[in-house]
Amino acid sequence: MKNITRVILSLALTTFFYGQIYSQNQNGSIDAPGDIAFVAYHADNGGADQEDGFSFILLDDAPHTTAIRFIDEEWDGSLPTPAFIDLVNEGEVLWQNLTGATISAGTVITITDADGSGTAANIGTATEDENGFNLGSSEDFFAIIGTRASPTAFLTAHDGNDGNTLDLNGTSLTTSQVLTTTGQGRYTGSTTCNSSIGDCLDQIYNTTNWTFGEYTHSGTVVSDFTGSAFSSCAAPTAQATGGTFGSETSSTLNLTSFIAPAGGATGYAIYINEANSFTAPSDGDEPTADTSWNDSGQQPIYFGTSASPNVTVTGLDPGTTYYFQVYAYNDCSGTETYETTGLNINDTSALGVLTITGLTGNDKVYDGTNVGSATGTATLSGVASGANNVTLGGSPVFTFASANVGTGITINTSGYTISGTDAGKYTLHNPLYQEISQLLH
């Protein structure tokens, strides 16, 4: 055993994603940087009651079957693929939550006799899973998800100031998630956290809140933490329902309101899409609303707290069905926690109105009939850029509104038609009112 060792904490999972970066997410499991923090560590000084031991706090809930593995081996982030130096040497201590229930955030877990046959935990179970586990007086601790062979995400770290630079390459850890101390010690600051979990981690890793030197492990280790940061918080248990739309135009839709979920919610993220396909936001997402349709797929149009958002989306195509998805969330210490089913509703924009331009009615000599004519090139006006597959056709018929002699007589136009894949999104203003003056003589 080396004089200076590295103790690695790993969460044993059946699947892994090596190298994926997580952030503290308050999602009800131990799976992200900052989800645990050290509150004590003690080295073996030879006394019967002073065996190797350490304590850590859960900063997120630990469901039944959570397993945390403490690995006494060095990490080398300089390798092409960062890895532990050896996969078989050194020892391992395994802690498991086999209580049959979730252990809540704020709970302090204390491991005693970590290097002996009497390894135990105050909550859950602990065993020396591989012989050779041993803590020196100053240790570097890493917390990871995965196994020694396949670490996936680091949870926290302790830099023991042992003269060697703590290697964080490939760990995704930030310095705020690293405790730097010299020698054994324990946290002796306040055990109340009334802000965010991130602020609580900062409080714990502020070394002015620690007492260093010899102490009795585990008799003087802090007890469980309390405060609003550890209040139970989960996603809404149901989705919003209903959904009321306001007046439609050929280019706008208005979502007026919906019914809040049974059980309530803090707020909502609302998206629009021309296809009925949506991806739920991740916890902590705060989408920036854009109510001008950009025609590029799922688009956020509202992020706020009202079930009556009265949000109007502009720039839509005429005669087109658009889908809306409303995801409810709860504010969990500053992190939005979403239900992922959502309310799915839709509305259709009004048909567009096309007019025909480019024609001029012709005068004619009185002949007792109302047959008229026009010159020019008929052109469609009012075609939307996003629904432009429409073509003017047909056989136009021009008819004077009166066969009598006169001036300013209207020529009515009929017989024009429209075709194309977008033709059904429009109505054609036909007959056409020609704003011209006609003279019959």
Protein backbone atom coordinates (compact mmCIF):
# COMPACT_ATOMS: atom_id res chain seq x y z
CA MET A 1 0.00 0.00 0.00
CA LYS A 2 1.34 3.43 -0.95
CA ASN A 3 1.81 6.12 1.68
CA ILE A 4 -0.35 8.41 -0.43
CA THR A 5 -3.40 6.71 -1.88
CA ARG A 6 -6.42 7.81 -3.79
CA VAL A 7 -9.89 6.83 -2.64
CA ILE A 8 -12.44 6.64 -5.39
CA LEU A 9 -16.20 6.68 -4.87
CA SER A 10 -18.17 5.11 -7.64
CA LEU A 11 -21.83 4.46 -8.11
CA ALA A 12 -22.38 0.98 -9.49
CA LEU A 13 -24.88 0.98 -12.36
CA THR A 14 -25.78 -1.57 -14.97
CA THR A 15 -25.37 0.92 -17.84
CA PHE A 16 -22.95 3.78 -18.36
CA PHE A 17 -22.00 6.62 -20.68
CA TYR A 18 -18.32 7.30 -20.27
CA GLY A 19 -17.32 10.91 -20.62
CA GLN A 20 -20.85 12.33 -20.53
CA ILE A 21 -21.02 15.59 -18.54
CA TYR A 22 -23.82 16.06 -16.06
CA SER A 23 -24.74 18.93 -13.80
CA GLN A 24 -26.39 18.83 -10.41
CA ASN A 25 -29.94 18.12 -11.40
CA GLN A 26 -32.05 17.27 -8.32
CA ASN A 27 -33.70 14.41 -10.16
CA GLY A 28 -34.16 12.02 -7.26
CA SER A 29 -31.06 9.89 -7.77
CA ILE A 30 -27.30 10.02 -7.21
CA ASP A 31 -26.06 10.56 -10.74
CA ALA A 32 -24.49 14.00 -11.20
CA PRO A 33 -21.62 16.20 -10.00
CA GLY A 34 -22.46 17.67 -6.63
CA ASP A 35 -24.94 14.94 -5.65
CA ILE A 36 -22.79 14.04 -2.61
CA ALA A 37 -20.26 15.92 -0.50
CA PHE A 38 -17.72 14.81 2.09
CA VAL A 39 -18.36 15.97 5.65
CA ALA A 40 -15.63 13.94 7.45
CA TYR A 41 -12.68 11.63 6.89
CA HIS A 42 -10.49 9.88 9.42
CA ALA A 43 -7.22 7.95 9.09
CA ASP A 44 -6.19 4.87 11.04
CA ASN A 45 -3.96 5.89 13.96
CA GLY A 46 -3.76 2.44 15.50
CA GLY A 47 -6.46 2.85 18.12
CA ALA A 48 -9.23 0.30 18.35
CA ASP A 49 -11.86 3.00 17.94
CA GLN A 50 -9.94 5.03 15.37
CA GLU A 51 -10.06 2.84 12.27
CA ASP A 52 -10.28 4.32 8.78
CA GLY A 53 -13.61 6.00 8.19
CA PHE A 54 -15.34 8.78 6.35
CA SER A 55 -18.75 10.46 6.07
CA PHE A 56 -20.65 12.06 3.23
CA ILE A 57 -23.97 13.82 2.80
CA LEU A 58 -26.54 12.98 0.14
CA LEU A 59 -27.40 16.16 -1.75
CA ASP A 60 -30.02 14.32 -3.78
CA ASP A 61 -32.26 11.40 -2.93
CA ALA A 62 -30.76 7.89 -3.02
CA PRO A 63 -33.38 5.34 -4.14
CA HIS A 64 -33.42 1.74 -2.92
CA THR A 65 -30.58 -0.31 -4.53
CA THR A 66 -28.29 2.73 -4.90
CA ALA A 67 -24.73 1.43 -4.58
CA ILE A 68 -21.67 3.58 -3.99
CA ARG A 69 -18.25 2.02 -4.37
CA PHE A 70 -15.15 3.51 -2.72
CA ILE A 71 -12.06 2.54 -4.71
CA ASP A 72 -8.55 2.95 -3.30
CA GLU A 73 -6.73 3.60 -6.61
CA GLU A 74 -5.19 6.53 -8.47
CA TRP A 75 -6.80 8.31 -11.41
CA ASP A 76 -4.73 9.31 -14.44
CA GLY A 77 -6.40 11.92 -16.59
CA SER A 78 -3.36 12.32 -18.85
CA LEU A 79 -3.96 9.08 -20.70
CA PRO A 80 -5.56 9.21 -24.18
CA THR A 81 -8.55 7.65 -22.45
CA PRO A 82 -8.40 8.75 -18.79
CA ALA A 83 -8.56 5.77 -16.46
CA PHE A 84 -7.65 4.37 -13.08
CA ILE A 85 -4.04 3.26 -13.00
CA ASP A 86 -4.80 -0.33 -12.01
CA LEU A 87 -8.04 -2.30 -12.26
CA VAL A 88 -7.24 -5.00 -9.71
CA ASN A 89 -4.84 -3.63 -7.07
CA GLU A 90 -5.86 -1.65 -3.99
CA GLY A 91 -9.11 -2.15 -2.09
CA GLU A 92 -12.77 -1.29 -2.41
CA VAL A 93 -15.53 -0.49 0.04
CA LEU A 94 -19.10 -0.90 -1.15
CA TRP A 95 -22.01 1.01 0.39
CA GLN A 96 -25.54 0.08 -0.62
CA ASN A 97 -29.01 1.34 0.15
CA LEU A 98 -30.84 -1.92 0.73
CA THR A 99 -33.36 -0.43 3.15
CA GLY A 100 -36.28 -0.90 0.78
CA ALA A 101 -36.92 2.85 0.69
CA THR A 102 -35.40 6.03 -0.69
CA ILE A 103 -32.90 7.74 1.60
CA SER A 104 -33.63 11.46 1.49
CA ALA A 105 -31.28 14.24 0.52
CA GLY A 106 -29.72 15.79 3.60
CA THR A 107 -28.90 12.43 5.16
CA VAL A 108 -25.33 11.96 6.40
CA ILE A 109 -23.87 8.50 5.75
CA THR A 110 -20.97 7.46 7.99
CA ILE A 111 -18.66 4.53 7.20
CA THR A 112 -16.64 3.03 10.08
CA ASP A 113 -13.79 0.51 10.14
CA ALA A 114 -13.39 0.97 6.41
CA ASP A 115 -10.22 -1.15 6.29
CA GLY A 116 -11.32 -4.07 8.43
CA SER A 117 -13.71 -6.96 8.76
CA GLY A 118 -16.09 -4.77 10.76
CA THR A 119 -16.82 -2.27 8.00
CA ALA A 120 -20.25 -0.81 8.68
CA ALA A 121 -22.55 2.12 7.90
CA ASN A 122 -25.01 4.00 10.09
CA ILE A 123 -27.61 3.70 7.28
CA GLY A 124 -27.58 1.03 4.62
CA THR A 125 -24.84 -1.55 4.45
CA ALA A 126 -21.08 -1.31 3.90
CA THR A 127 -18.49 -3.99 3.22
CA GLU A 128 -14.85 -4.10 2.21
CA ASP A 129 -15.61 -5.57 -1.17
CA GLU A 130 -11.93 -5.85 -2.16
CA ASN A 131 -9.16 -6.31 0.44
CA GLY A 132 -6.51 -3.65 0.78
CA PHE A 133 -8.59 -0.54 1.42
CA ASN A 134 -6.59 1.90 3.54
CA LEU A 135 -6.64 5.65 4.21
CA GLY A 136 -3.54 7.70 4.85
CA SER A 137 -3.49 10.91 6.86
CA SER A 138 -4.04 13.00 3.74
CA GLU A 139 -6.04 11.60 0.87
CA ASP A 140 -7.36 12.51 -2.55
CA PHE A 141 -10.99 11.44 -2.94
CA PHE A 142 -12.93 11.20 -6.18
CA ALA A 143 -16.64 10.43 -6.52
CA ILE A 144 -17.77 8.82 -9.76
CA ILE A 145 -20.66 7.00 -11.37
CA GLY A 146 -19.78 3.66 -12.89
CA THR A 147 -17.13 1.10 -12.06
CA ARG A 148 -13.38 1.16 -11.73
CA ALA A 149 -13.08 -0.16 -15.27
CA SER A 150 -15.74 2.16 -16.69
CA PRO A 151 -16.17 5.43 -14.77
CA THR A 152 -18.94 7.55 -16.28
CA ALA A 153 -19.39 10.79 -14.30
CA PHE A 154 -17.55 12.17 -11.29
CA LEU A 155 -19.66 13.30 -8.32
CA THR A 156 -17.20 15.18 -6.09
CA ALA A 157 -13.55 15.19 -5.02
CA HIS A 158 -11.28 15.87 -2.05
CA ASP A 159 -7.81 17.31 -2.57
CA GLY A 160 -5.68 16.37 0.42
CA ASN A 161 -2.85 18.81 -0.38
CA ASP A 162 -0.43 15.89 -0.43
CA GLY A 163 2.12 17.66 -2.65
CA ASN A 164 0.70 16.20 -5.84
CA THR A 165 -1.66 18.09 -8.11
CA LEU A 166 -5.13 16.58 -7.98
CA ASP A 167 -5.83 15.30 -11.46
CA LEU A 168 -9.27 16.48 -12.63
CA ASN A 169 -8.71 15.84 -16.33
CA GLY A 170 -11.54 13.80 -17.74
CA THR A 171 -13.64 14.13 -14.59
CA SER A 172 -15.96 16.99 -15.62
CA LEU A 173 -15.66 18.34 -12.09
CA THR A 174 -15.47 22.06 -11.39
CA THR A 175 -13.35 23.52 -8.61
CA SER A 176 -16.52 24.37 -6.66
CA GLN A 177 -17.18 20.63 -6.41
CA VAL A 178 -13.74 19.90 -4.92
CA LEU A 179 -12.95 20.07 -1.18
CA THR A 180 -9.35 21.09 -0.52
CA THR A 181 -7.96 20.41 2.97
CA THR A 182 -4.80 19.23 4.73
CA GLY A 183 -5.04 16.34 7.16
CA GLN A 184 -8.06 14.62 8.62
CA GLY A 185 -11.01 16.64 9.77
CA ARG A 186 -14.75 17.11 9.84
CA TYR A 187 -17.37 19.68 8.91
CA THR A 188 -18.55 21.62 11.97
CA GLY A 189 -20.59 24.41 10.36
CA SER A 190 -24.33 24.90 10.19
CA THR A 191 -26.43 21.92 9.11
CA THR A 192 -29.23 24.14 7.80
CA CYS A 193 -29.48 24.92 4.08
CA ASN A 194 -32.30 27.27 3.11
CA SER A 195 -31.09 28.29 -0.34
CA SER A 196 -30.19 26.04 -3.28
CA ILE A 197 -28.40 22.70 -3.16
CA GLY A 198 -25.49 24.36 -4.96
CA ASP A 199 -25.25 26.96 -2.21
CA CYS A 200 -25.36 24.16 0.36
CA LEU A 201 -22.40 22.48 -1.35
CA ASP A 202 -20.49 25.76 -1.25
CA GLN A 203 -21.28 26.03 2.47
CA ILE A 204 -20.00 22.51 3.16
CA TYR A 205 -16.82 22.93 1.14
CA ASN A 206 -15.92 26.26 2.73
CA THR A 207 -12.99 25.12 4.87
CA THR A 208 -13.65 27.83 7.46
CA ASN A 209 -16.59 25.61 8.41
CA TRP A 210 -14.29 22.64 9.14
CA THR A 211 -12.31 21.57 12.19
CA PHE A 212 -9.06 19.75 11.40
CA GLY A 213 -6.99 17.37 13.49
CA GLU A 214 -7.71 14.27 15.54
CA TYR A 215 -11.33 13.55 16.37
CA THR A 216 -13.50 10.61 17.37
CA HIS A 217 -15.06 8.98 14.34
CA SER A 218 -18.00 8.78 14.12
CA GLY A 219 -19.10 10.25 17.43
CA THR A 220 -18.41 13.89 16.51
CA VAL A 221 -19.55 13.81 12.88
CA VAL A 222 -22.44 16.16 12.07
CA SER A 223 -25.97 14.82 11.96
CA ASP A 224 -28.39 15.08 9.04
CA PHE A 225 -28.93 18.45 7.35
CA THR A 226 -32.27 20.26 7.22
CA GLY A 227 -33.71 23.32 5.50
CA SER A 228 -35.78 24.29 2.49
CA ALA A 229 -33.06 23.11 0.09
CA PHE A 230 -33.95 19.55 1.13
CA SER A 231 -37.71 19.96 0.93
CA SER A 232 -39.33 17.17 -1.02
CA CYS A 233 -39.79 18.30 -4.59
CA ALA A 234 -40.94 16.37 -7.61
CA ALA A 235 -42.45 17.01 -10.98
CA PRO A 236 -46.19 17.71 -11.15
CA THR A 237 -48.12 14.47 -10.78
CA ALA A 238 -50.49 15.25 -13.67
CA GLN A 239 -50.64 17.23 -16.88
CA ALA A 240 -52.52 20.38 -17.76
CA THR A 241 -55.89 19.70 -19.38
CA GLY A 242 -58.35 21.49 -21.64
CA GLY A 243 -57.02 24.21 -23.83
CA THR A 244 -58.88 27.26 -25.17
CA PHE A 245 -57.93 29.07 -28.36
CA GLY A 246 -58.89 32.61 -29.33
CA SER A 247 -59.66 33.93 -32.80
CA GLU A 248 -57.65 32.61 -35.72
CA THR A 249 -56.37 34.55 -38.70
CA SER A 250 -54.59 33.23 -41.75
CA SER A 251 -51.24 33.98 -40.11
CA THR A 252 -51.85 33.89 -36.31
CA LEU A 253 -53.14 31.54 -33.63
CA ASN A 254 -53.89 32.48 -30.03
CA LEU A 255 -53.65 30.04 -27.10
CA THR A 256 -55.72 31.72 -24.42
CA SER A 257 -55.73 29.30 -21.49
CA PHE A 258 -55.77 25.74 -20.17
CA ILE A 259 -56.58 24.04 -16.88
CA ALA A 260 -53.74 23.64 -14.37
CA PRO A 261 -52.82 20.04 -13.44
CA ALA A 262 -54.56 18.35 -10.57
CA GLY A 263 -52.19 18.89 -7.68
CA GLY A 264 -50.90 22.13 -9.15
CA ALA A 265 -47.70 23.28 -10.82
CA THR A 266 -45.30 26.18 -10.50
CA GLY A 267 -45.24 27.02 -14.19
CA TYR A 268 -45.29 25.88 -17.78
CA ALA A 269 -43.16 25.63 -20.91
CA ILE A 270 -45.24 25.75 -24.10
CA TYR A 271 -44.05 24.72 -27.56
CA ILE A 272 -45.51 24.85 -31.08
CA ASN A 273 -44.75 22.62 -34.05
CA GLU A 274 -46.26 22.00 -37.47
CA ALA A 275 -45.69 18.28 -36.86
CA ASN A 276 -47.20 16.54 -33.87
CA SER A 277 -43.77 15.67 -32.52
CA PHE A 278 -42.25 17.03 -29.32
CA THR A 279 -39.33 16.38 -26.99
CA ALA A 280 -39.93 17.18 -23.33
CA PRO A 281 -37.59 19.75 -21.77
CA SER A 282 -34.90 18.51 -19.42
CA ASP A 283 -35.04 19.43 -15.76
CA GLY A 284 -33.57 22.88 -15.30
CA ASP A 285 -34.40 24.03 -18.84
CA GLU A 286 -35.67 27.61 -19.11
CA PRO A 287 -36.57 27.98 -22.80
CA THR A 288 -36.55 31.43 -24.37
CA ALA A 289 -39.96 32.14 -25.87
CA ASP A 290 -40.23 33.25 -29.50
CA THR A 291 -43.78 33.92 -30.72
CA SER A 292 -42.77 34.52 -34.35
CA TRP A 293 -42.96 31.16 -36.11
CA ASN A 294 -39.58 30.26 -37.64
CA ASP A 295 -40.72 27.10 -39.45
CA SER A 296 -37.86 24.98 -38.10
CA GLY A 297 -39.59 22.45 -35.87
CA GLN A 298 -40.38 22.48 -32.16
CA GLN A 299 -40.30 26.07 -30.96
CA PRO A 300 -40.84 27.50 -27.44
CA ILE A 301 -43.51 30.20 -27.33
CA TYR A 302 -44.05 30.61 -23.58
CA PHE A 303 -42.17 30.06 -20.33
CA GLY A 304 -43.96 31.33 -17.26
CA THR A 305 -46.31 30.68 -14.39
CA SER A 306 -49.79 31.40 -15.81
CA ALA A 307 -52.39 28.88 -16.96
CA SER A 308 -53.87 31.77 -18.98
CA PRO A 309 -50.85 32.75 -21.08
CA ASN A 310 -52.90 34.41 -23.86
CA VAL A 311 -49.98 33.90 -26.23
CA THR A 312 -50.33 34.74 -29.93
CA VAL A 313 -48.05 33.14 -32.50
CA THR A 314 -47.48 35.10 -35.70
CA GLY A 315 -45.99 34.31 -39.11
CA LEU A 316 -47.99 31.10 -39.60
CA ASP A 317 -49.09 29.64 -42.90
CA PRO A 318 -52.80 29.85 -43.79
CA GLY A 319 -55.12 26.87 -43.52
CA THR A 320 -52.53 24.88 -41.58
CA THR A 321 -52.91 22.81 -38.41
CA TYR A 322 -50.36 23.57 -35.70
CA TYR A 323 -49.76 21.51 -32.57
CA PHE A 324 -49.13 22.89 -29.11
CA GLN A 325 -47.50 21.03 -26.21
CA VAL A 326 -47.75 22.30 -22.63
CA TYR A 327 -45.28 20.87 -20.09
CA ALA A 328 -45.88 21.68 -16.42
CA TYR A 329 -43.02 22.03 -13.93
CA ASN A 330 -42.36 22.55 -10.24
CA ASP A 331 -39.61 24.86 -9.01
CA CYS A 332 -37.26 22.68 -6.95
CA SER A 333 -34.84 25.02 -5.21
CA GLY A 334 -34.32 26.96 -8.42
CA THR A 335 -34.40 23.94 -10.74
CA GLU A 336 -37.48 23.40 -12.91
CA THR A 337 -38.61 19.77 -12.62
CA TYR A 338 -40.90 18.83 -15.53
CA GLU A 339 -43.60 16.27 -16.07
CA THR A 340 -42.79 14.80 -19.45
CA THR A 341 -46.19 13.77 -20.84
CA GLY A 342 -47.60 17.22 -21.46
CA LEU A 343 -50.91 18.53 -22.75
CA ASN A 344 -51.21 18.11 -26.53
CA ILE A 345 -53.70 20.36 -28.35
CA ASN A 346 -54.00 21.83 -31.84
CA ASP A 347 -55.67 24.59 -33.82
CA THR A 348 -55.85 25.49 -37.50
CA SER A 349 -55.15 28.90 -38.97
CA ALA A 350 -57.82 30.52 -41.13
CA LEU A 351 -57.77 30.05 -44.89
CA GLY A 352 -55.85 32.66 -46.78
CA VAL A 353 -57.66 34.88 -49.29
CA LEU A 354 -56.13 35.21 -52.76
CA THR A 355 -56.99 38.00 -55.16
CA ILE A 356 -56.21 38.40 -58.84
CA THR A 357 -54.28 41.43 -59.96
CA GLY A 358 -52.78 42.61 -63.26
CA LEU A 359 -56.01 42.90 -65.29
CA THR A 360 -57.66 45.97 -66.78
CA GLY A 361 -61.21 45.93 -68.06
CA ASN A 362 -61.77 47.01 -71.65
CA ASP A 363 -64.34 49.51 -72.96
CA LYS A 364 -66.71 48.23 -75.58
CA VAL A 365 -69.26 49.56 -78.04
CA TYR A 366 -72.81 48.98 -76.90
CA ASP A 367 -74.11 45.73 -78.36
CA GLY A 368 -77.00 44.94 -76.02
CA THR A 369 -75.06 42.21 -74.15
CA ASN A 370 -73.07 42.21 -70.93
CA VAL A 371 -70.12 40.27 -72.36
CA GLY A 372 -66.87 41.93 -71.30
CA SER A 373 -63.13 41.51 -71.78
CA ALA A 374 -59.89 42.41 -70.05
CA THR A 375 -56.25 42.83 -70.90
CA GLY A 376 -53.13 42.16 -68.89
CA THR A 377 -51.59 39.18 -67.10
CA ALA A 378 -53.56 37.65 -64.23
CA THR A 379 -51.43 37.21 -61.14
CA LEU A 380 -52.25 35.76 -57.72
CA SER A 381 -51.80 38.10 -54.79
CA GLY A 382 -51.67 37.02 -51.11
CA VAL A 383 -49.70 33.76 -51.42
CA ALA A 384 -47.76 33.04 -48.20
CA SER A 385 -44.08 32.20 -48.55
CA GLY A 386 -44.46 29.00 -46.55
CA ALA A 387 -47.46 27.78 -48.57
CA ASN A 388 -46.63 28.83 -52.10
CA ASN A 389 -47.38 25.70 -54.08
CA VAL A 390 -50.47 27.20 -55.69
CA THR A 391 -51.11 28.00 -59.33
CA LEU A 392 -53.78 30.12 -61.04
CA GLY A 393 -55.67 28.42 -63.85
CA GLY A 394 -59.11 28.01 -65.34
CA SER A 395 -60.99 29.78 -68.13
CA PRO A 396 -61.97 33.30 -67.08
CA VAL A 397 -65.28 34.85 -68.11
CA PHE A 398 -65.66 38.64 -67.92
CA THR A 399 -69.18 40.01 -67.53
CA PHE A 400 -70.41 43.59 -67.24
CA ALA A 401 -72.73 44.05 -64.29
CA SER A 402 -75.17 45.81 -66.65
CA ALA A 403 -75.75 45.65 -70.41
CA ASN A 404 -76.97 49.28 -70.48
CA VAL A 405 -74.99 52.24 -71.70
CA GLY A 406 -73.06 53.91 -68.87
CA THR A 407 -69.73 54.60 -67.22
CA GLY A 408 -67.98 53.04 -64.21
CA ILE A 409 -69.81 49.77 -64.71
CA THR A 410 -68.22 46.87 -62.79
CA ILE A 411 -66.81 43.93 -64.70
CA ASN A 412 -67.28 40.68 -62.76
CA THR A 413 -64.78 37.91 -63.35
CA SER A 414 -65.42 34.20 -62.94
CA GLY A 415 -63.92 30.95 -64.08
CA TYR A 416 -60.49 31.24 -62.48
CA THR A 417 -59.35 28.29 -60.34
CA ILE A 418 -56.35 27.48 -58.21
CA SER A 419 -54.43 24.20 -57.97
CA GLY A 420 -51.34 22.82 -56.23
CA THR A 421 -50.55 21.10 -52.94
CA ASP A 422 -51.26 24.30 -50.98
CA ALA A 423 -54.41 25.28 -52.89
CA GLY A 424 -56.63 23.93 -50.12
CA LYS A 425 -55.20 26.52 -47.74
CA TYR A 426 -56.78 29.39 -49.65
CA THR A 427 -60.01 30.78 -51.02
CA LEU A 428 -59.95 32.66 -54.31
CA HIS A 429 -61.69 36.03 -54.47
CA ASN A 430 -63.71 35.19 -57.56
CA PRO A 431 -65.66 36.89 -59.12
CA LEU A 432 -63.18 39.72 -59.23
CA TYR A 433 -64.24 43.33 -58.73
CA GLN A 434 -62.34 45.46 -61.19
CA GLU A 435 -61.67 49.01 -59.92
CA ILE A 436 -61.88 50.58 -63.39
CA SER A 437 -64.27 52.79 -65.36
CA GLN A 438 -66.12 51.28 -68.34
CA LEU A 439 -67.80 53.24 -71.07
CA LEU A 440 -70.48 51.87 -73.33
CA HIS A 441 -71.69 54.04 -76.26
